[in-house]
Each structure stands twice: as structure tokens, then as C-alpha cells.
Amino acid sequence: MADEHVKHVAEEIKRYLQKCPSASDSVEGITSWWLERQRIAENIHTVEKALECLKDEGFIDERKNNYSSSVYFLKEQQKF
């Protein structure tokens, strides 16, 4: 029986293949491209939510840069 971590990785591979059913790769490619990209996408979503929470708390602020991206920074009253 596979341990929980192995099961989690298997689920990640399944999700990737459901999004990209024609994909095929080596173990190294699956690790580098499929799993790492999926984790990055999941991490980006989590970080966006965390930043929204910090903005709602008034701890950080946000401004748009010249490229229409947001940059986040510590609010002035929060600086030590």
C-alpha cells in the first residue's frame, strides 16, 4: 500500500493528465514540468489569497506597477 505522500503525488499526476490528456514525459520531465508547474500554480493561488487577507487586515497595501501587475508592500504605519 502506498503512503499518503505517494498517493498525493499520484493525484497530482492524474489532475495534470486530465488537463493535458495528450501529455507524455519521462520521470524527470514529469517531476520538473508537470508537478512543479502545478505546484507553482497552486502556490500562486494560495499566495494571492494570503495577500488579500493581509490587505483586509490593513497590514499591507497594493499598487499597480507600469506593467499592470500589482506590487505589495508593508503599510507605512506598520513599519518598525
PDB file of N, CA and C in Angstrom:
ATOM      1  N   MET A   1       0.841  -1.183   0.000  1.00  0.00           N
ATOM      2  CA  MET A   1       0.000   0.000   0.000  1.00  0.00           C
ATOM      3  C   MET A   1       0.892   1.255   0.000  1.00  0.00           C
ATOM      4  N   ALA A   2       0.586   2.194  -0.858  1.00  0.00           N
ATOM      5  CA  ALA A   2       1.369   3.428  -0.978  1.00  0.00           C
ATOM      6  C   ALA A   2       1.104   4.342   0.209  1.00  0.00           C
ATOM      7  N   ASP A   3       2.155   5.065   0.628  1.00  0.00           N
ATOM      8  CA  ASP A   3       1.947   6.005   1.725  1.00  0.00           C
ATOM      9  C   ASP A   3       1.188   7.238   1.237  1.00  0.00           C
ATOM     10  N   GLU A   4       0.817   8.090   2.146  1.00  0.00           N
ATOM     11  CA  GLU A   4      -0.021   9.258   1.821  1.00  0.00           C
ATOM     12  C   GLU A   4       0.657  10.205   0.843  1.00  0.00           C
ATOM     13  N   HIS A   5       1.968  10.390   0.992  1.00  0.00           N
ATOM     14  CA  HIS A   5       2.676  11.299   0.084  1.00  0.00           C
ATOM     15  C   HIS A   5       2.653  10.762  -1.349  1.00  0.00           C
ATOM     16  N   VAL A   6       2.869   9.468  -1.496  1.00  0.00           N
ATOM     17  CA  VAL A   6       2.840   8.848  -2.823  1.00  0.00           C
ATOM     18  C   VAL A   6       1.445   8.984  -3.426  1.00  0.00           C
ATOM     19  N   LYS A   7       0.422   8.780  -2.624  1.00  0.00           N
ATOM     20  CA  LYS A   7      -0.959   8.933  -3.106  1.00  0.00           C
ATOM     21  C   LYS A   7      -1.214  10.368  -3.560  1.00  0.00           C
ATOM     22  N   HIS A   8      -0.688  11.318  -2.799  1.00  0.00           N
ATOM     23  CA  HIS A   8      -0.864  12.734  -3.154  1.00  0.00           C
ATOM     24  C   HIS A   8      -0.203  13.035  -4.499  1.00  0.00           C
ATOM     25  N   VAL A   9       1.003  12.536  -4.712  1.00  0.00           N
ATOM     26  CA  VAL A   9       1.708  12.751  -5.983  1.00  0.00           C
ATOM     27  C   VAL A   9       0.942  12.090  -7.122  1.00  0.00           C
ATOM     28  N   ALA A  10       0.419  10.889  -6.881  1.00  0.00           N
ATOM     29  CA  ALA A  10      -0.373  10.205  -7.911  1.00  0.00           C
ATOM     30  C   ALA A  10      -1.597  11.042  -8.288  1.00  0.00           C
ATOM     31  N   GLU A  11      -2.234  11.661  -7.312  1.00  0.00           N
ATOM     32  CA  GLU A  11      -3.394  12.526  -7.587  1.00  0.00           C
ATOM     33  C   GLU A  11      -2.974  13.751  -8.401  1.00  0.00           C
ATOM     34  N   GLU A  12      -1.801  14.312  -8.101  1.00  0.00           N
ATOM     35  CA  GLU A  12      -1.308  15.451  -8.873  1.00  0.00           C
ATOM     36  C   GLU A  12      -1.083  15.060 -10.333  1.00  0.00           C
ATOM     37  N   ILE A  13      -0.517  13.886 -10.557  1.00  0.00           N
ATOM     38  CA  ILE A  13      -0.288  13.405 -11.923  1.00  0.00           C
ATOM     39  C   ILE A  13      -1.623  13.202 -12.638  1.00  0.00           C
ATOM     40  N   LYS A  14      -2.601  12.648 -11.948  1.00  0.00           N
ATOM     41  CA  LYS A  14      -3.936  12.475 -12.536  1.00  0.00           C
ATOM     42  C   LYS A  14      -4.527  13.812 -12.951  1.00  0.00           C
ATOM     43  N   ARG A  15      -4.445  14.813 -12.054  1.00  0.00           N
ATOM     44  CA  ARG A  15      -5.004  16.139 -12.371  1.00  0.00           C
ATOM     45  C   ARG A  15      -4.320  16.740 -13.598  1.00  0.00           C
ATOM     46  N   TYR A  16      -3.002  16.580 -13.666  1.00  0.00           N
ATOM     47  CA  TYR A  16      -2.282  17.119 -14.812  1.00  0.00           C
ATOM     48  C   TYR A  16      -2.748  16.443 -16.095  1.00  0.00           C
ATOM     49  N   LEU A  17      -2.853  15.128 -16.073  1.00  0.00           N
ATOM     50  CA  LEU A  17      -3.249  14.399 -17.273  1.00  0.00           C
ATOM     51  C   LEU A  17      -4.695  14.675 -17.665  1.00  0.00           C
ATOM     52  N   GLN A  18      -5.534  15.016 -16.706  1.00  0.00           N
ATOM     53  CA  GLN A  18      -6.905  15.395 -17.046  1.00  0.00           C
ATOM     54  C   GLN A  18      -6.920  16.736 -17.762  1.00  0.00           C
ATOM     55  N   LYS A  19      -5.996  17.645 -17.384  1.00  0.00           N
ATOM     56  CA  LYS A  19      -5.895  18.941 -18.054  1.00  0.00           C
ATOM     57  C   LYS A  19      -5.187  18.830 -19.395  1.00  0.00           C
ATOM     58  N   CYS A  20      -4.229  17.901 -19.494  1.00  0.00           N
ATOM     59  CA  CYS A  20      -3.400  17.744 -20.693  1.00  0.00           C
ATOM     60  C   CYS A  20      -3.378  16.262 -21.089  1.00  0.00           C
ATOM     61  N   PRO A  21      -4.484  15.751 -21.631  1.00  0.00           N
ATOM     62  CA  PRO A  21      -4.574  14.311 -21.883  1.00  0.00           C
ATOM     63  C   PRO A  21      -3.588  13.757 -22.907  1.00  0.00           C
ATOM     64  N   SER A  22      -3.010  14.585 -23.733  1.00  0.00           N
ATOM     65  CA  SER A  22      -2.053  14.079 -24.722  1.00  0.00           C
ATOM     66  C   SER A  22      -0.607  14.153 -24.225  1.00  0.00           C
ATOM     67  N   ALA A  23      -0.406  14.552 -22.981  1.00  0.00           N
ATOM     68  CA  ALA A  23       0.951  14.703 -22.437  1.00  0.00           C
ATOM     69  C   ALA A  23       1.631  13.358 -22.247  1.00  0.00           C
ATOM     70  N   SER A  24       2.943  13.372 -22.409  1.00  0.00           N
ATOM     71  CA  SER A  24       3.774  12.212 -22.086  1.00  0.00           C
ATOM     72  C   SER A  24       5.164  12.727 -21.763  1.00  0.00           C
ATOM     73  N   ASP A  25       5.847  12.072 -20.830  1.00  0.00           N
ATOM     74  CA  ASP A  25       7.175  12.545 -20.444  1.00  0.00           C
ATOM     75  C   ASP A  25       7.886  11.479 -19.632  1.00  0.00           C
ATOM     76  N   SER A  26       9.165  11.694 -19.374  1.00  0.00           N
ATOM     77  CA  SER A  26       9.974  10.819 -18.534  1.00  0.00           C
ATOM     78  C   SER A  26       9.708  11.144 -17.064  1.00  0.00           C
ATOM     79  N   VAL A  27      10.257  10.330 -16.180  1.00  0.00           N
ATOM     80  CA  VAL A  27      10.130  10.608 -14.751  1.00  0.00           C
ATOM     81  C   VAL A  27      10.678  11.995 -14.442  1.00  0.00           C
ATOM     82  N   GLU A  28      11.832  12.314 -15.002  1.00  0.00           N
ATOM     83  CA  GLU A  28      12.446  13.623 -14.752  1.00  0.00           C
ATOM     84  C   GLU A  28      11.579  14.749 -15.291  1.00  0.00           C
ATOM     85  N   GLY A  29      11.023  14.558 -16.484  1.00  0.00           N
ATOM     86  CA  GLY A  29      10.155  15.578 -17.078  1.00  0.00           C
ATOM     87  C   GLY A  29       8.879  15.755 -16.289  1.00  0.00           C
ATOM     88  N   ILE A  30       8.287  14.652 -15.854  1.00  0.00           N
ATOM     89  CA  ILE A  30       7.058  14.740 -15.047  1.00  0.00           C
ATOM     90  C   ILE A  30       7.338  15.501 -13.763  1.00  0.00           C
ATOM     91  N   THR A  31       8.465  15.189 -13.132  1.00  0.00           N
ATOM     92  CA  THR A  31       8.822  15.873 -11.891  1.00  0.00           C
ATOM     93  C   THR A  31       9.070  17.354 -12.128  1.00  0.00           C
ATOM     94  N   SER A  32       9.870  17.661 -13.162  1.00  0.00           N
ATOM     95  CA  SER A  32      10.267  19.053 -13.419  1.00  0.00           C
ATOM     96  C   SER A  32       9.143  19.900 -13.978  1.00  0.00           C
ATOM     97  N   TRP A  33       8.382  19.339 -14.919  1.00  0.00           N
ATOM     98  CA  TRP A  33       7.411  20.146 -15.639  1.00  0.00           C
ATOM     99  C   TRP A  33       6.001  19.976 -15.125  1.00  0.00           C
ATOM    100  N   TRP A  34       5.517  18.777 -15.052  1.00  0.00           N
ATOM    101  CA  TRP A  34       4.121  18.570 -14.676  1.00  0.00           C
ATOM    102  C   TRP A  34       3.884  18.951 -13.220  1.00  0.00           C
ATOM    103  N   LEU A  35       4.634  18.326 -12.324  1.00  0.00           N
ATOM    104  CA  LEU A  35       4.368  18.510 -10.898  1.00  0.00           C
ATOM    105  C   LEU A  35       4.799  19.888 -10.418  1.00  0.00           C
ATOM    106  N   GLU A  36       5.980  20.325 -10.841  1.00  0.00           N
ATOM    107  CA  GLU A  36       6.468  21.624 -10.371  1.00  0.00           C
ATOM    108  C   GLU A  36       5.573  22.762 -10.852  1.00  0.00           C
ATOM    109  N   ARG A  37       5.149  22.739 -12.099  1.00  0.00           N
ATOM    110  CA  ARG A  37       4.263  23.793 -12.624  1.00  0.00           C
ATOM    111  C   ARG A  37       2.922  23.788 -11.913  1.00  0.00           C
ATOM    112  N   GLN A  38       2.420  22.604 -11.640  1.00  0.00           N
ATOM    113  CA  GLN A  38       1.142  22.504 -10.942  1.00  0.00           C
ATOM    114  C   GLN A  38       1.269  23.073  -9.527  1.00  0.00           C
ATOM    115  N   ARG A  39       2.376  22.764  -8.861  1.00  0.00           N
ATOM    116  CA  ARG A  39       2.596  23.299  -7.509  1.00  0.00           C
ATOM    117  C   ARG A  39       2.753  24.810  -7.540  1.00  0.00           C
ATOM    118  N   ILE A  40       3.440  25.314  -8.547  1.00  0.00           N
ATOM    119  CA  ILE A  40       3.598  26.764  -8.663  1.00  0.00           C
ATOM    120  C   ILE A  40       2.231  27.418  -8.839  1.00  0.00           C
ATOM    121  N   ALA A  41       1.396  26.870  -9.694  1.00  0.00           N
ATOM    122  CA  ALA A  41       0.054  27.426  -9.901  1.00  0.00           C
ATOM    123  C   ALA A  41      -0.755  27.387  -8.612  1.00  0.00           C
ATOM    124  N   GLU A  42      -0.674  26.280  -7.883  1.00  0.00           N
ATOM    125  CA  GLU A  42      -1.394  26.177  -6.617  1.00  0.00           C
ATOM    126  C   GLU A  42      -0.831  27.160  -5.601  1.00  0.00           C
ATOM    127  N   ASN A  43       0.496  27.319  -5.575  1.00  0.00           N
ATOM    128  CA  ASN A  43       1.114  28.257  -4.645  1.00  0.00           C
ATOM    129  C   ASN A  43       0.741  29.694  -4.972  1.00  0.00           C
ATOM    130  N   ILE A  44       0.672  30.030  -6.235  1.00  0.00           N
ATOM    131  CA  ILE A  44       0.284  31.386  -6.629  1.00  0.00           C
ATOM    132  C   ILE A  44      -1.116  31.686  -6.119  1.00  0.00           C
ATOM    133  N   HIS A  45      -2.023  30.745  -6.287  1.00  0.00           N
ATOM    134  CA  HIS A  45      -3.394  30.930  -5.811  1.00  0.00           C
ATOM    135  C   HIS A  45      -3.415  31.131  -4.287  1.00  0.00           C
ATOM    136  N   THR A  46      -2.651  30.343  -3.567  1.00  0.00           N
ATOM    137  CA  THR A  46      -2.588  30.457  -2.111  1.00  0.00           C
ATOM    138  C   THR A  46      -1.989  31.794  -1.691  1.00  0.00           C
ATOM    139  N   VAL A  47      -0.925  32.220  -2.361  1.00  0.00           N
ATOM    140  CA  VAL A  47      -0.286  33.498  -2.030  1.00  0.00           C
ATOM    141  C   VAL A  47      -1.236  34.652  -2.314  1.00  0.00           C
ATOM    142  N   GLU A  48      -1.982  34.595  -3.419  1.00  0.00           N
ATOM    143  CA  GLU A  48      -2.961  35.646  -3.717  1.00  0.00           C
ATOM    144  C   GLU A  48      -3.991  35.762  -2.589  1.00  0.00           C
ATOM    145  N   LYS A  49      -4.478  34.640  -2.113  1.00  0.00           N
ATOM    146  CA  LYS A  49      -5.446  34.655  -1.015  1.00  0.00           C
ATOM    147  C   LYS A  49      -4.825  35.226   0.260  1.00  0.00           C
ATOM    148  N   ALA A  50      -3.584  34.833   0.543  1.00  0.00           N
ATOM    149  CA  ALA A  50      -2.901  35.333   1.735  1.00  0.00           C
ATOM    150  C   ALA A  50      -2.698  36.842   1.653  1.00  0.00           C
ATOM    151  N   LEU A  51      -2.325  37.337   0.478  1.00  0.00           N
ATOM    152  CA  LEU A  51      -2.147  38.785   0.304  1.00  0.00           C
ATOM    153  C   LEU A  51      -3.463  39.528   0.505  1.00  0.00           C
ATOM    154  N   GLU A  52      -4.550  38.984   0.009  1.00  0.00           N
ATOM    155  CA  GLU A  52      -5.862  39.608   0.222  1.00  0.00           C
ATOM    156  C   GLU A  52      -6.195  39.680   1.708  1.00  0.00           C
ATOM    157  N   CYS A  53      -5.891  38.629   2.443  1.00  0.00           N
ATOM    158  CA  CYS A  53      -6.129  38.630   3.889  1.00  0.00           C
ATOM    159  C   CYS A  53      -5.312  39.722   4.569  1.00  0.00           C
ATOM    160  N   LEU A  54      -4.039  39.841   4.192  1.00  0.00           N
ATOM    161  CA  LEU A  54      -3.173  40.856   4.788  1.00  0.00           C
ATOM    162  C   LEU A  54      -3.635  42.269   4.425  1.00  0.00           C
ATOM    163  N   LYS A  55      -4.140  42.438   3.205  1.00  0.00           N
ATOM    164  CA  LYS A  55      -4.709  43.741   2.818  1.00  0.00           C
ATOM    165  C   LYS A  55      -5.941  44.041   3.652  1.00  0.00           C
ATOM    166  N   ASP A  56      -6.824  43.051   3.812  1.00  0.00           N
ATOM    167  CA  ASP A  56      -8.042  43.237   4.596  1.00  0.00           C
ATOM    168  C   ASP A  56      -7.725  43.593   6.045  1.00  0.00           C
ATOM    169  N   GLU A  57      -6.624  43.061   6.571  1.00  0.00           N
ATOM    170  CA  GLU A  57      -6.195  43.373   7.938  1.00  0.00           C
ATOM    171  C   GLU A  57      -5.545  44.755   8.034  1.00  0.00           C
ATOM    172  N   GLY A  58      -5.221  45.349   6.896  1.00  0.00           N
ATOM    173  CA  GLY A  58      -4.559  46.646   6.884  1.00  0.00           C
ATOM    174  C   GLY A  58      -3.062  46.549   7.119  1.00  0.00           C
ATOM    175  N   PHE A  59      -2.494  45.365   6.977  1.00  0.00           N
ATOM    176  CA  PHE A  59      -1.069  45.168   7.221  1.00  0.00           C
ATOM    177  C   PHE A  59      -0.228  45.539   6.011  1.00  0.00           C
ATOM    178  N   ILE A  60      -0.745  45.258   4.821  1.00  0.00           N
ATOM    179  CA  ILE A  60      -0.036  45.602   3.580  1.00  0.00           C
ATOM    180  C   ILE A  60      -0.947  46.434   2.693  1.00  0.00           C
ATOM    181  N   ASP A  61      -0.344  47.016   1.669  1.00  0.00           N
ATOM    182  CA  ASP A  61      -1.092  47.752   0.669  1.00  0.00           C
ATOM    183  C   ASP A  61      -0.642  47.254  -0.703  1.00  0.00           C
ATOM    184  N   GLU A  62      -1.371  47.696  -1.715  1.00  0.00           N
ATOM    185  CA  GLU A  62      -1.122  47.234  -3.081  1.00  0.00           C
ATOM    186  C   GLU A  62      -1.141  48.429  -4.017  1.00  0.00           C
ATOM    187  N   ARG A  63      -0.292  48.383  -5.013  1.00  0.00           N
ATOM    188  CA  ARG A  63      -0.365  49.386  -6.080  1.00  0.00           C
ATOM    189  C   ARG A  63      -0.015  48.706  -7.388  1.00  0.00           C
ATOM    190  N   LYS A  64      -0.537  49.239  -8.467  1.00  0.00           N
ATOM    191  CA  LYS A  64      -0.252  48.718  -9.800  1.00  0.00           C
ATOM    192  C   LYS A  64       1.076  49.296 -10.265  1.00  0.00           C
ATOM    193  N   ASN A  65       1.898  48.450 -10.886  1.00  0.00           N
ATOM    194  CA  ASN A  65       3.133  48.969 -11.451  1.00  0.00           C
ATOM    195  C   ASN A  65       2.901  49.337 -12.914  1.00  0.00           C
ATOM    196  N   ASN A  66       3.948  49.673 -13.624  1.00  0.00           N
ATOM    197  CA  ASN A  66       3.826  50.105 -15.023  1.00  0.00           C
ATOM    198  C   ASN A  66       3.384  48.999 -15.962  1.00  0.00           C
ATOM    199  N   TYR A  67       3.395  47.768 -15.493  1.00  0.00           N
ATOM    200  CA  TYR A  67       3.048  46.624 -16.333  1.00  0.00           C
ATOM    201  C   TYR A  67       1.687  46.060 -15.983  1.00  0.00           C
ATOM    202  N   SER A  68       0.869  46.818 -15.268  1.00  0.00           N
ATOM    203  CA  SER A  68      -0.470  46.423 -14.836  1.00  0.00           C
ATOM    204  C   SER A  68      -0.460  45.245 -13.859  1.00  0.00           C
ATOM    205  N   SER A  69       0.681  44.978 -13.273  1.00  0.00           N
ATOM    206  CA  SER A  69       0.760  43.979 -12.212  1.00  0.00           C
ATOM    207  C   SER A  69       0.655  44.700 -10.880  1.00  0.00           C
ATOM    208  N   SER A  70       0.279  43.973  -9.880  1.00  0.00           N
ATOM    209  CA  SER A  70       0.228  44.555  -8.545  1.00  0.00           C
ATOM    210  C   SER A  70       1.533  44.289  -7.822  1.00  0.00           C
ATOM    211  N   VAL A  71       1.946  45.258  -7.032  1.00  0.00           N
ATOM    212  CA  VAL A  71       3.055  45.068  -6.105  1.00  0.00           C
ATOM    213  C   VAL A  71       2.511  45.325  -4.709  1.00  0.00           C
ATOM    214  N   TYR A  72       3.015  44.590  -3.751  1.00  0.00           N
ATOM    215  CA  TYR A  72       2.512  44.650  -2.382  1.00  0.00           C
ATOM    216  C   TYR A  72       3.622  45.114  -1.472  1.00  0.00           C
ATOM    217  N   PHE A  73       3.259  45.854  -0.432  1.00  0.00           N
ATOM    218  CA  PHE A  73       4.255  46.408   0.472  1.00  0.00           C
ATOM    219  C   PHE A  73       3.629  46.661   1.833  1.00  0.00           C
ATOM    220  N   LEU A  74       4.487  46.736   2.830  1.00  0.00           N
ATOM    221  CA  LEU A  74       4.074  46.995   4.193  1.00  0.00           C
ATOM    222  C   LEU A  74       3.495  48.399   4.285  1.00  0.00           C
ATOM    223  N   LYS A  75       2.334  48.517   4.903  1.00  0.00           N
ATOM    224  CA  LYS A  75       1.732  49.838   5.066  1.00  0.00           C
ATOM    225  C   LYS A  75       2.625  50.677   5.977  1.00  0.00           C
ATOM    226  N   GLU A  76       2.653  51.976   5.731  1.00  0.00           N
ATOM    227  CA  GLU A  76       3.552  52.885   6.444  1.00  0.00           C
ATOM    228  C   GLU A  76       3.415  52.769   7.966  1.00  0.00           C
ATOM    229  N   GLN A  77       2.192  52.713   8.481  1.00  0.00           N
ATOM    230  CA  GLN A  77       2.021  52.650   9.936  1.00  0.00           C
ATOM    231  C   GLN A  77       2.483  51.316  10.524  1.00  0.00           C
ATOM    232  N   GLN A  78       2.737  50.328   9.683  1.00  0.00           N
ATOM    233  CA  GLN A  78       3.185  49.020  10.155  1.00  0.00           C
ATOM    234  C   GLN A  78       4.709  48.913  10.238  1.00  0.00           C
ATOM    235  N   LYS A  79       5.414  49.855   9.643  1.00  0.00           N
ATOM    236  CA  LYS A  79       6.874  49.768   9.614  1.00  0.00           C
ATOM    237  C   LYS A  79       7.431  49.949  11.016  1.00  0.00           C
ATOM    238  N   PHE A  80       8.515  49.235  11.263  1.00  0.00           N
ATOM    239  CA  PHE A  80       9.120  49.222  12.612  1.00  0.00           C
ATOM    240  C   PHE A  80      10.237  50.213  12.720  1.00  0.00           C
TER     241      PHE A  80
END
